Protein backbone atom coordinates (compact mmCIF):
# COMPACT_ATOMS: atom_id res chain seq x y z
CA MET A 1 1.32 7.41 -24.83
CA LEU A 2 3.08 4.33 -23.44
CA PHE A 3 3.88 6.26 -20.27
CA PHE A 4 0.41 6.41 -18.70
CA LEU A 5 -1.22 3.83 -20.97
CA PRO A 6 -2.30 1.44 -18.15
CA MET A 7 -4.10 4.31 -16.40
CA THR A 8 -6.45 4.94 -19.33
CA ASN A 9 -8.66 2.17 -17.96
CA VAL A 10 -7.25 0.63 -14.80
CA ALA A 11 -10.10 -1.86 -14.40
CA ALA A 12 -9.72 -3.13 -17.97
CA ALA A 13 -5.93 -3.39 -17.62
CA ALA A 14 -6.27 -5.35 -14.38
CA GLY A 15 -9.03 -7.64 -15.62
CA ASN A 16 -7.33 -8.48 -18.89
CA THR A 17 -4.07 -9.52 -17.23
CA GLY A 18 -5.63 -10.98 -14.10
CA ILE A 19 -3.88 -8.66 -11.64
CA GLU A 20 -4.98 -6.18 -8.98
CA THR A 21 -5.60 -2.51 -9.72
CA TYR A 22 -2.67 -1.66 -7.43
CA ASP A 23 -0.42 -3.74 -9.68
CA VAL A 24 -1.57 -1.68 -12.69
CA LEU A 25 -0.65 1.55 -10.90
CA TYR A 26 2.73 0.08 -9.95
CA THR A 27 3.52 -0.65 -13.60
CA VAL A 28 3.21 3.10 -14.24
CA ALA A 29 5.34 3.83 -11.16
CA LEU A 30 8.05 1.47 -12.44
CA PHE A 31 7.98 3.13 -15.86
CA TYR A 32 8.52 6.46 -14.11
CA ALA A 33 11.35 4.99 -12.02
CA GLY A 34 13.14 3.69 -15.11
CA TYR A 35 12.68 7.04 -16.85
CA VAL A 36 14.04 9.11 -13.95
CA SER A 37 16.86 6.87 -12.72
CA PHE A 38 18.41 6.23 -16.14
CA PHE A 39 18.50 9.92 -17.10
CA SER A 40 22.07 10.75 -16.05
CA LEU A 41 23.62 7.43 -17.10
CA GLU A 42 21.90 7.56 -20.49
CA ARG A 43 23.89 10.61 -21.54
CA ARG A 44 27.01 8.46 -21.79
CA PHE A 45 25.32 6.16 -24.34
CA TYR A 46 24.07 9.24 -26.15
CA ASN A 47 27.65 10.48 -26.51
CA TYR A 48 28.97 7.07 -27.59
CA LEU A 49 26.57 5.97 -30.33
CA ALA A 50 25.80 7.69 -33.60
CA THR A 51 22.32 9.15 -33.85
CA LYS A 52 20.94 6.76 -36.48
CA GLU A 53 22.10 3.53 -34.86
CA TYR A 54 21.00 4.81 -31.45
CA PHE A 55 17.50 5.49 -32.76
CA ILE A 56 17.31 2.06 -34.36
CA ILE A 57 18.42 0.29 -31.16
CA ILE A 58 15.98 2.05 -28.85
CA THR A 59 13.09 1.68 -31.33
CA ILE A 60 13.70 -2.08 -31.52
CA VAL A 61 13.80 -2.20 -27.70
CA GLN A 62 10.43 -0.43 -27.53
CA ILE A 63 8.91 -2.82 -30.08
CA LEU A 64 10.17 -5.87 -28.16
CA THR A 65 9.00 -4.58 -24.79
CA SER A 66 5.59 -3.66 -26.22
CA TYR A 67 5.27 -7.20 -27.59
CA ILE A 68 6.11 -8.69 -24.19
CA CYS A 69 3.53 -6.43 -22.49
CA TYR A 70 1.00 -7.55 -25.09
CA SER A 71 1.66 -11.28 -24.72
CA THR A 72 2.52 -11.83 -21.04
CA ASP A 73 0.13 -12.47 -18.19
CA GLU A 74 2.88 -12.74 -15.53
CA VAL A 75 2.90 -9.68 -13.31
CA ALA A 76 6.63 -10.04 -12.44
CA ILE A 77 7.60 -9.99 -16.13
CA LEU A 78 5.30 -7.03 -16.70
CA PHE A 79 6.99 -5.11 -13.87
CA ILE A 80 10.48 -5.72 -15.28
CA VAL A 81 9.50 -4.85 -18.84
CA ARG A 82 7.73 -1.65 -17.82
CA PHE A 83 10.91 -0.51 -16.03
CA ILE A 84 12.93 -1.23 -19.18
CA GLN A 85 10.36 0.70 -21.20
CA GLY A 86 10.96 3.66 -18.93
CA MET A 87 14.70 3.44 -19.58
CA ALA A 88 14.09 3.26 -23.34
CA PHE A 89 11.73 6.20 -23.03
CA THR A 90 14.57 8.25 -21.51
CA MET A 91 16.77 7.39 -24.47
CA THR A 92 14.07 8.25 -27.01
CA VAL A 93 13.10 11.56 -25.44
CA ASN A 94 16.64 12.77 -24.80
CA LEU A 95 17.86 12.00 -28.31
CA SER A 96 14.76 13.34 -30.05
CA LEU A 97 14.75 16.59 -28.12
CA SER A 98 18.48 17.07 -28.55
CA LEU A 99 17.98 16.85 -32.31
CA ILE A 100 15.15 19.37 -32.14
CA TYR A 101 16.88 21.81 -29.80
CA SER A 102 20.10 21.81 -31.78
CA ARG A 103 18.04 23.59 -34.46
CA LEU A 104 16.53 26.19 -32.11
CA ARG A 105 18.93 29.14 -32.17
CA SER A 106 17.10 31.90 -30.30
CA SER A 107 15.86 32.05 -26.72
CA ARG A 108 12.37 32.68 -28.07
CA ALA A 109 12.42 29.45 -30.07
CA ARG A 110 13.63 27.46 -27.07
CA VAL A 111 10.87 28.83 -24.82
CA ILE A 112 8.27 27.90 -27.44
CA GLY A 113 9.87 24.46 -27.75
CA TYR A 114 9.70 23.95 -23.98
CA SER A 115 6.06 25.01 -24.00
CA ILE A 116 5.09 22.61 -26.79
CA PHE A 117 6.89 19.65 -25.22
CA PHE A 118 5.52 20.12 -21.72
CA GLY A 119 2.09 20.98 -23.07
CA MET A 120 2.07 17.59 -24.81
CA LEU A 121 3.27 15.92 -21.61
CA VAL A 122 0.56 17.30 -19.31
CA ALA A 123 -2.13 16.69 -21.95
CA MET A 124 -1.15 13.04 -22.40
CA ILE A 125 -3.44 11.50 -19.75
CA PRO A 126 -6.67 13.13 -21.03
CA PHE A 127 -5.55 12.51 -24.61
CA ASN A 128 -4.93 8.82 -23.82
CA ASN A 129 -8.43 8.58 -22.35
CA PHE A 130 -9.85 9.98 -25.58
CA ALA A 131 -7.65 8.09 -28.05
CA THR A 132 -7.88 4.64 -26.47
CA ALA A 133 -11.49 4.52 -25.23
CA GLU A 134 -13.00 3.00 -28.37
CA LEU A 135 -10.12 0.54 -28.76
CA VAL A 136 -10.55 -0.75 -25.20
CA ASP A 137 -14.30 -0.96 -25.78
CA SER A 138 -13.80 -3.08 -28.91
CA PHE A 139 -10.74 -5.20 -28.01
CA ASN A 140 -8.85 -6.51 -25.00
CA PHE A 141 -6.77 -3.93 -23.16
CA ASN A 142 -3.49 -5.54 -24.28
CA PHE A 143 -4.45 -4.70 -27.84
CA LEU A 144 -3.19 -1.18 -27.06
CA TYR A 145 0.35 -2.56 -26.68
CA LYS A 146 -0.08 -4.28 -30.03
CA CYS A 147 -1.05 -0.93 -31.57
CA ALA A 148 2.02 0.66 -29.99
CA MET A 149 4.22 -2.11 -31.35
CA PHE A 150 3.04 -1.64 -34.94
CA SER A 151 3.09 2.16 -34.68
CA TYR A 152 6.87 2.01 -34.17
CA LEU A 153 7.46 0.17 -37.46
CA PRO A 154 7.02 3.17 -39.82
CA SER A 155 9.40 5.17 -37.63
CA LEU A 156 11.97 2.39 -37.79
CA LEU A 157 11.71 2.25 -41.58
CA PHE A 158 11.98 6.02 -42.04
CA ILE A 159 14.98 6.24 -39.71
CA TYR A 160 16.77 3.49 -41.61
CA LEU A 161 16.09 4.97 -45.06
CA PHE A 162 16.25 8.73 -44.60
CA MET A 163 18.38 9.57 -41.56
CA ASN A 164 22.06 10.44 -41.88
CA ASN A 165 24.48 8.56 -39.64
CA VAL A 166 25.83 11.66 -37.87
CA ARG A 167 26.91 12.47 -34.35
CA LEU A 168 25.71 15.40 -32.28
CA ASP A 169 28.80 15.29 -30.09
CA VAL A 170 32.31 13.85 -29.91
CA LYS A 171 32.38 10.09 -29.36
CA PHE A 172 33.01 9.34 -25.70
CA PRO A 173 34.08 5.78 -24.78
CA LEU A 174 31.83 3.72 -22.52
CA TYR A 175 34.22 3.25 -19.62
CA GLN A 176 33.77 3.96 -15.91
CA LEU A 177 29.99 3.99 -16.19
CA ASP A 178 28.48 4.76 -12.81
CA TRP A 179 26.27 1.69 -12.64
CA ALA A 180 26.45 1.70 -8.84
CA SER A 181 24.75 5.11 -8.57
CA PHE A 182 22.16 4.04 -11.11
CA PHE A 183 21.22 0.91 -9.18
CA LEU A 184 21.10 2.74 -5.85
CA TYR A 185 18.91 5.45 -7.36
CA ALA A 186 16.66 3.07 -9.29
CA ILE A 187 16.05 0.68 -6.38
CA ALA A 188 15.24 3.58 -4.05
CA LEU A 189 12.70 4.96 -6.54
CA CYS A 190 11.11 1.55 -7.09
CA LEU A 191 10.76 1.05 -3.34
CA PHE A 192 9.31 4.54 -2.91
CA GLY A 193 6.73 3.79 -5.58
CA TYR A 194 6.01 0.42 -3.94
CA ILE A 195 5.32 2.08 -0.58
CA MET A 196 3.04 4.72 -2.08
CA VAL A 197 1.05 2.23 -4.17
CA TYR A 198 0.72 -0.65 -1.68
CA GLY A 199 1.20 1.11 1.66
CA GLN A 200 -2.44 1.64 2.58
CA GLN A 201 -3.41 -1.83 1.36
CA TYR A 202 -0.85 -3.37 3.74
CA TYR A 203 -1.66 -0.95 6.60
CA TRP A 204 1.67 0.85 6.29
CA PHE A 205 4.18 0.04 9.03
CA GLU A 206 2.12 -2.83 10.42
CA ASP A 207 3.40 -4.85 7.47
CA PRO A 208 7.12 -5.81 7.49
CA ARG A 209 7.36 -5.29 3.71
CA ILE A 210 6.56 -1.59 4.08
CA PHE A 211 8.75 -1.17 7.16
CA TRP A 212 11.82 -2.71 5.58
CA SER A 213 11.21 -0.84 2.34
CA VAL A 214 11.41 2.44 4.26
CA VAL A 215 14.58 1.32 6.03
CA SER A 216 16.10 0.29 2.69
CA ILE A 217 15.27 3.66 1.11
CA VAL A 218 16.99 5.53 3.95
CA LEU A 219 20.14 3.41 3.60
CA LEU A 220 20.14 3.62 -0.21
CA VAL A 221 19.76 7.41 -0.14
CA LEU A 222 22.61 7.75 2.36
CA PHE A 223 24.92 5.56 0.26
CA PHE A 224 23.89 7.47 -2.88
CA ILE A 225 24.65 10.88 -1.34
CA LEU A 226 28.02 9.70 0.00
CA ARG A 227 28.90 8.34 -3.43
CA GLN A 228 28.01 11.64 -5.10
CA TRP A 229 30.05 13.50 -2.53
CA LYS A 230 33.18 11.43 -3.25
CA ALA A 231 32.79 10.69 -6.98
CA LYS A 232 34.88 12.51 -9.56
CA ARG A 233 31.99 12.54 -12.05
CA PRO A 234 28.88 12.39 -9.83
CA TYR A 235 25.44 11.34 -10.97
CA PHE A 236 24.15 14.61 -9.47
CA ASN A 237 26.32 17.60 -8.65
CA LEU A 238 25.42 18.39 -5.03
CA GLU A 239 26.51 21.98 -5.51
CA ALA A 240 23.11 22.69 -7.08
CA PHE A 241 21.48 22.28 -3.67
CA LYS A 242 23.25 25.41 -2.42
CA TYR A 243 20.90 27.66 -4.41
CA ARG A 244 17.74 28.81 -2.62
CA ASN A 245 15.64 29.17 -5.75
CA PHE A 246 16.56 25.62 -6.73
CA TRP A 247 14.83 24.36 -3.58
CA PHE A 248 11.89 26.69 -4.12
CA GLY A 249 11.41 25.52 -7.71
CA ALA A 250 11.60 21.88 -6.60
CA ALA A 251 8.88 22.47 -3.99
CA ILE A 252 6.61 24.18 -6.54
CA ILE A 253 6.97 21.31 -9.03
CA LEU A 254 6.30 18.73 -6.30
CA ILE A 255 3.12 20.50 -5.14
CA PHE A 256 1.98 21.08 -8.71
CA TYR A 257 2.26 17.41 -9.60
CA ILE A 258 0.39 16.34 -6.48
CA CYS A 259 -2.42 18.70 -7.50
CA ARG A 260 -2.31 17.64 -11.14
CA PHE A 261 -2.86 13.93 -10.57
CA ALA A 262 -5.86 14.56 -8.32
CA MET A 263 -7.68 14.87 -11.64
CA MET A 264 -7.89 11.05 -11.69
CA ILE A 265 -10.58 11.20 -8.99
CA ASN A 266 -12.76 13.21 -11.34
CA THR A 267 -12.48 10.54 -14.04
CA GLY A 268 -13.39 7.89 -11.47
CA TYR A 269 -16.44 9.93 -10.45
CA PHE A 270 -17.69 10.04 -14.04
CA GLN A 271 -17.42 6.26 -14.31
CA ALA A 272 -18.33 5.07 -10.79
CA VAL A 273 -21.11 7.50 -9.88
CA LEU A 274 -22.51 8.99 -13.10
CA LYS A 275 -22.00 5.65 -14.91
CA LEU A 276 -20.56 7.27 -18.04
CA ASP A 277 -18.80 4.89 -20.41
CA PRO A 278 -15.05 5.45 -21.10
CA ILE A 279 -15.78 6.73 -24.61
CA HIS A 280 -18.03 9.46 -23.24
CA VAL A 281 -15.47 10.35 -20.57
CA GLY A 282 -12.82 10.60 -23.29
CA TYR A 283 -14.86 13.18 -25.16
CA ILE A 284 -15.45 15.21 -22.00
CA THR A 285 -11.71 15.36 -21.26
CA LEU A 286 -11.15 17.15 -24.58
CA ILE A 287 -12.36 20.26 -22.73
CA ASN A 288 -9.43 19.79 -20.34
CA ILE A 289 -6.99 19.52 -23.26
CA ALA A 290 -8.35 22.78 -24.70
CA GLY A 291 -7.63 24.50 -21.38
CA ILE A 292 -4.09 23.10 -21.34
CA VAL A 293 -3.42 24.43 -24.85
CA VAL A 294 -4.62 27.93 -23.93
CA GLY A 295 -2.66 27.86 -20.67
CA VAL A 296 0.56 26.78 -22.39
CA ILE A 297 0.25 29.59 -24.95
CA LEU A 298 -0.35 32.19 -22.23
CA SER A 299 2.57 30.93 -20.12
CA ALA A 300 4.91 31.10 -23.12
CA VAL A 301 3.85 34.72 -23.73
CA PHE A 302 4.49 35.55 -20.06
CA VAL A 303 7.96 34.00 -20.14
CA LEU A 304 8.90 35.69 -23.42
CA GLN A 305 7.83 39.06 -22.02
CA GLN A 306 9.85 38.31 -18.85
CA ARG A 307 6.84 38.91 -16.64
CA PRO A 308 7.24 38.11 -12.92
CA ILE A 309 7.17 34.37 -12.37
CA ARG A 310 5.45 34.92 -9.02
CA LEU A 311 2.35 36.34 -10.72
CA LEU A 312 2.19 33.41 -13.13
CA TRP A 313 2.35 30.93 -10.26
CA ILE A 314 -0.36 32.79 -8.35
CA TYR A 315 -2.62 32.86 -11.42
CA GLY A 316 -2.09 29.15 -12.12
CA PHE A 317 -2.60 27.93 -8.55
CA SER A 318 -5.61 30.24 -8.15
CA LEU A 319 -7.25 28.57 -11.16
CA LEU A 320 -6.55 25.15 -9.66
CA PHE A 321 -8.04 26.32 -6.35
CA ILE A 322 -11.19 27.46 -8.16
CA TYR A 323 -11.44 24.08 -9.88
CA TYR A 324 -11.08 21.96 -6.75
CA SER A 325 -13.35 24.21 -4.69
CA TRP A 326 -15.99 24.21 -7.43
CA MET A 327 -15.91 20.45 -7.86
CA ILE A 328 -16.67 19.97 -4.16
CA PHE A 329 -20.12 21.46 -4.77
CA LEU A 330 -20.66 19.70 -8.12
CA TYR A 331 -20.20 16.16 -6.82
CA THR A 332 -23.70 14.70 -6.59
CA THR A 333 -25.25 11.36 -7.49
CA GLN A 334 -26.95 12.88 -10.54
CA ALA A 335 -25.52 15.63 -12.73
CA ASN A 336 -25.43 16.88 -16.29
CA GLU A 337 -22.08 16.63 -18.01
CA ASN A 338 -22.22 20.26 -19.20
CA ASN A 339 -21.91 21.33 -15.55
CA PHE A 340 -18.28 20.18 -15.65
CA TYR A 341 -17.13 21.90 -18.86
CA ILE A 342 -16.00 25.18 -17.31
CA PRO A 343 -14.26 23.60 -14.27
CA LEU A 344 -12.39 21.16 -16.53
CA PHE A 345 -11.31 24.00 -18.78
CA LEU A 346 -10.10 26.01 -15.77
CA GLN A 347 -8.14 23.02 -14.48
CA GLY A 348 -6.40 22.62 -17.84
CA LEU A 349 -5.75 26.37 -17.98
CA GLY A 350 -4.11 26.30 -14.55
CA VAL A 351 -1.98 23.27 -15.41
CA GLY A 352 -0.88 24.88 -18.68
CA LEU A 353 0.09 28.10 -16.92
CA LEU A 354 2.19 26.33 -14.28
CA MET A 355 4.05 23.54 -16.07
CA THR A 356 6.52 25.28 -18.40
CA PRO A 357 7.48 28.27 -16.18
CA SER A 358 8.09 25.98 -13.21
CA ILE A 359 10.54 23.79 -15.16
CA ILE A 360 12.31 26.79 -16.71
CA PHE A 361 12.55 28.48 -13.29
CA MET A 362 14.25 25.46 -11.74
CA VAL A 363 16.70 25.07 -14.65
CA ALA A 364 17.46 28.81 -14.69
CA SER A 365 17.97 28.96 -10.90
CA VAL A 366 21.46 27.38 -11.13
CA PRO A 367 24.53 28.13 -13.30
CA GLU A 368 24.67 26.51 -16.74
CA ARG A 369 27.26 23.96 -15.63
CA LEU A 370 24.72 22.60 -13.12
CA SER A 371 21.74 22.63 -15.47
CA VAL A 372 21.95 18.88 -16.16
CA THR A 373 21.66 18.19 -12.41
CA SER A 374 18.78 20.66 -12.24
CA ALA A 375 16.99 18.89 -15.13
CA GLY A 376 17.48 15.55 -13.38
CA MET A 377 16.04 16.92 -10.15
CA CYS A 378 13.04 18.28 -12.09
CA LEU A 379 12.39 14.71 -13.16
CA LEU A 380 12.74 13.48 -9.58
CA MET A 381 10.26 16.07 -8.26
CA ARG A 382 7.73 15.20 -10.95
CA CYS A 383 8.14 11.50 -10.18
CA SER A 384 7.85 12.11 -6.43
CA GLY A 385 4.72 14.21 -6.95
CA PHE A 386 3.14 11.37 -8.89
CA TYR A 387 4.10 8.80 -6.23
CA ILE A 388 2.84 10.96 -3.35
CA SER A 389 -0.44 11.63 -5.13
CA LEU A 390 -0.94 7.86 -5.53
CA GLY A 391 -0.19 7.34 -1.84
CA LEU A 392 -2.59 10.08 -0.75
CA MET A 393 -5.40 8.86 -2.98
CA ASN A 394 -4.94 5.27 -1.83
CA TYR A 395 -5.00 6.42 1.80
CA PHE A 396 -8.14 8.51 1.39
CA GLU A 397 -9.82 5.89 -0.78
CA LEU A 398 -9.48 3.10 1.78
CA PHE A 399 -9.60 5.08 5.02
CA SER A 400 -12.17 7.69 4.06
CA LYS A 401 -14.39 5.24 2.18
CA SER A 402 -14.49 2.81 5.09
CA LYS A 403 -15.33 5.62 7.53
CA HIS A 404 -18.16 7.01 5.40
CA PHE A 405 -19.41 3.54 4.45
CA ASN A 406 -19.91 2.62 8.10
CA THR A 407 -21.61 5.96 8.74
CA PHE A 408 -24.03 5.50 5.86
CA LEU A 409 -24.81 1.91 6.84
CA SER A 410 -25.59 2.97 10.41
CA HIS A 411 -28.42 5.11 9.00
CA THR A 412 -29.53 2.53 6.42
CA VAL A 413 -31.19 0.13 8.81
CA ALA A 414 -34.54 -1.62 8.91
CA ASN A 415 -36.09 0.76 11.50
CA ASN A 416 -35.17 3.86 9.48
CA PRO A 417 -38.43 5.02 7.83
CA ILE A 418 -36.64 6.77 4.95
CA SER A 419 -34.57 3.67 4.25
CA GLN A 420 -37.70 1.52 4.36
CA GLN A 421 -39.51 3.87 2.00
CA ILE A 422 -36.72 3.80 -0.57
CA SER A 423 -36.40 0.00 -0.36
CA GLU A 424 -40.17 -0.47 -0.79
CA ARG A 425 -40.23 1.90 -3.74
CA ASN A 426 -37.41 0.04 -5.48
CA SER A 427 -39.05 -3.32 -4.74
CA THR A 428 -42.40 -2.14 -6.13
CA MET A 429 -40.75 -0.85 -9.27
CA LEU A 430 -38.98 -4.17 -9.85
CA ILE A 431 -42.16 -6.19 -9.23
CA SER A 432 -44.01 -4.03 -11.77
CA HIS A 433 -41.38 -5.05 -14.32
CA GLY A 434 -42.09 -8.74 -13.76
CA MET A 435 -39.70 -9.72 -10.96
CA SER A 436 -40.84 -12.05 -8.20
CA ASP A 437 -41.34 -10.71 -4.65
CA THR A 438 -38.32 -12.54 -3.23
CA MET A 439 -35.94 -11.52 -6.02
CA ALA A 440 -37.30 -7.96 -5.99
CA GLN A 441 -36.45 -7.57 -2.30
CA LYS A 442 -32.90 -8.86 -2.84
CA ALA A 443 -32.45 -6.57 -5.86
CA ALA A 444 -33.80 -3.62 -3.85
CA ASP A 445 -31.19 -4.30 -1.15
CA LYS A 446 -28.54 -4.38 -3.87
CA LEU A 447 -29.72 -1.01 -5.20
CA THR A 448 -29.45 0.39 -1.68
CA VAL A 449 -25.85 -0.81 -1.38
CA THR A 450 -25.09 0.70 -4.81
CA ALA A 451 -26.53 4.04 -3.68
CA VAL A 452 -24.42 3.91 -0.51
CA ASN A 453 -21.29 3.19 -2.57
CA ALA A 454 -22.02 6.19 -4.81
CA GLN A 455 -22.41 8.48 -1.82
CA ASN A 456 -19.28 6.93 -0.35
CA TYR A 457 -17.20 7.78 -3.42
CA ILE A 458 -18.55 11.35 -3.42
CA ARG A 459 -17.54 11.85 0.22
CA TYR A 460 -14.09 10.44 -0.49
CA ALA A 461 -13.67 12.81 -3.46
CA VAL A 462 -14.85 15.80 -1.42
CA ASP A 463 -12.50 14.99 1.47
CA TYR A 464 -9.51 14.69 -0.85
CA TYR A 465 -10.32 17.83 -2.82
CA GLU A 466 -10.69 19.79 0.42
CA ILE A 467 -7.13 18.79 1.36
CA ILE A 468 -5.82 19.72 -2.10
CA ALA A 469 -7.62 23.09 -2.00
CA LEU A 470 -6.13 23.83 1.42
CA MET A 471 -2.65 22.90 0.17
CA ILE A 472 -3.06 25.26 -2.79
CA VAL A 473 -4.06 28.14 -0.48
CA VAL A 474 -0.93 27.58 1.62
CA THR A 475 1.17 27.46 -1.56
CA ILE A 476 -0.26 30.76 -2.86
CA LEU A 477 0.44 32.44 0.49
CA PHE A 478 3.96 31.00 0.47
CA ILE A 479 4.60 32.37 -3.02
CA GLY A 480 3.19 35.79 -2.14
CA LEU A 481 5.27 36.15 1.02
CA PHE A 482 8.63 35.53 -0.69
CA PRO A 483 9.13 38.15 -3.43
CA TYR A 484 12.83 37.33 -3.86
CA ILE A 485 11.91 34.58 -6.33
CA ASN A 486 11.38 37.25 -9.00
CA ARG A 487 15.15 37.80 -9.07
CA THR A 488 15.58 34.65 -11.17
CA ILE A 489 15.34 35.64 -14.84
CA LEU A 490 13.65 33.00 -16.97
CA THR A 491 16.05 32.79 -19.89
CA LEU A 492 17.24 29.72 -21.79
CA THR A 493 20.70 29.61 -23.31
CA LYS A 494 21.93 27.17 -25.90
CA LYS A 495 24.14 25.42 -23.34
CA GLN A 496 21.21 24.54 -21.14
CA PRO A 497 19.71 21.09 -21.66
CA SER A 498 16.70 20.31 -23.74
CA PRO A 499 13.55 19.77 -21.63
CA PHE A 500 14.07 16.21 -20.46
């Protein structure tokens, strides 16, 4: 839940700390960067420390970082701590899943384990909206970090009292750690996230910060690739990029994550246009979680029966296409919430169908000795999809909103009879409720601006969903035209990594 916690209520998170909404999004991007970049280096610590002491160390780190997030109001400190939280998250997830997957003997059990883990992952944003809504409504947003801090304490106690101090692997000394690759990788990811979050706000390449960030990313990536090419124990084995299905799986995951995070626009519509409170929105998103659960179960059955992966992708993306196309016609200034139940369920069903098979396909597309590199690239594609979705939404939000806002205002003028009629009606209504003539006219103008803003958000949402729907159509055609992808058999052996 710590992962996307700031996105449960971006306005509350920004207002409580006194930062911009873009800063809140960047804290999530930094968490993702820490999670992804530390993945390969973390395995050395995993092999060096015993399981019990490793768990205790990373749990204490999470408690301390949660306390700092709770108490600080300095955005620079928050950025650093969120990155460290992402690194600690890598350690927690890798160790926990390694313990679980060491107990799963059969391929069937491992597929079910993958499905449960990734089902929890894709359901986390709607679950966070549901679980935290009443807390945010009753307390300051930072109270959520306080809850996280205290929720770790029972785990720390149980680990200390009941866990055996065993090792899952042979102790490997901590020498020749590839810190250079880690820093190159981490800085490049942080800069990529920075560009996607702040790019539109700074007008992209017109601002030197964005320009030099792009130049820095190009240089960092070149140095990183050269280092992997020459290193004896590379961060990523570049041999994995020789496999065609590896590239295909990476593209599918990237597109899927761009489509998945477009769901945030729907939540914004509920709050900005329909004026639903976060608690009510949280209850509505339970429908989406139900769809994810059903989709995950169906995808696991497909994989266990070794059904063609191409069909599963077509089914999943088709459901997402139906959702985004349907929502285009549902976006209005007034609507009943029950109109959105079926589309939200279909969106969750499509996400559940796509997530697990896509990850398994990418891991299974390379030999077992390259599966760690494949798992790391899965993380990179998911992170990149999240970053790109933020960049696209920021672009459409600022560019599309400004375009439509000017268009609406050009028709909302004093000599427009419809505009005059609406303003007079609002003014009369306010006067009948006891407001003075002067104040009623000002309030009527304010209501007009509010109505324009609502229409503006709807047009922005429609424009973005049209682009996403078009991208999904191209993806479905791309999948249908390349039948060779069915040659990859979705099987999981014990030597393959747990689903990082």
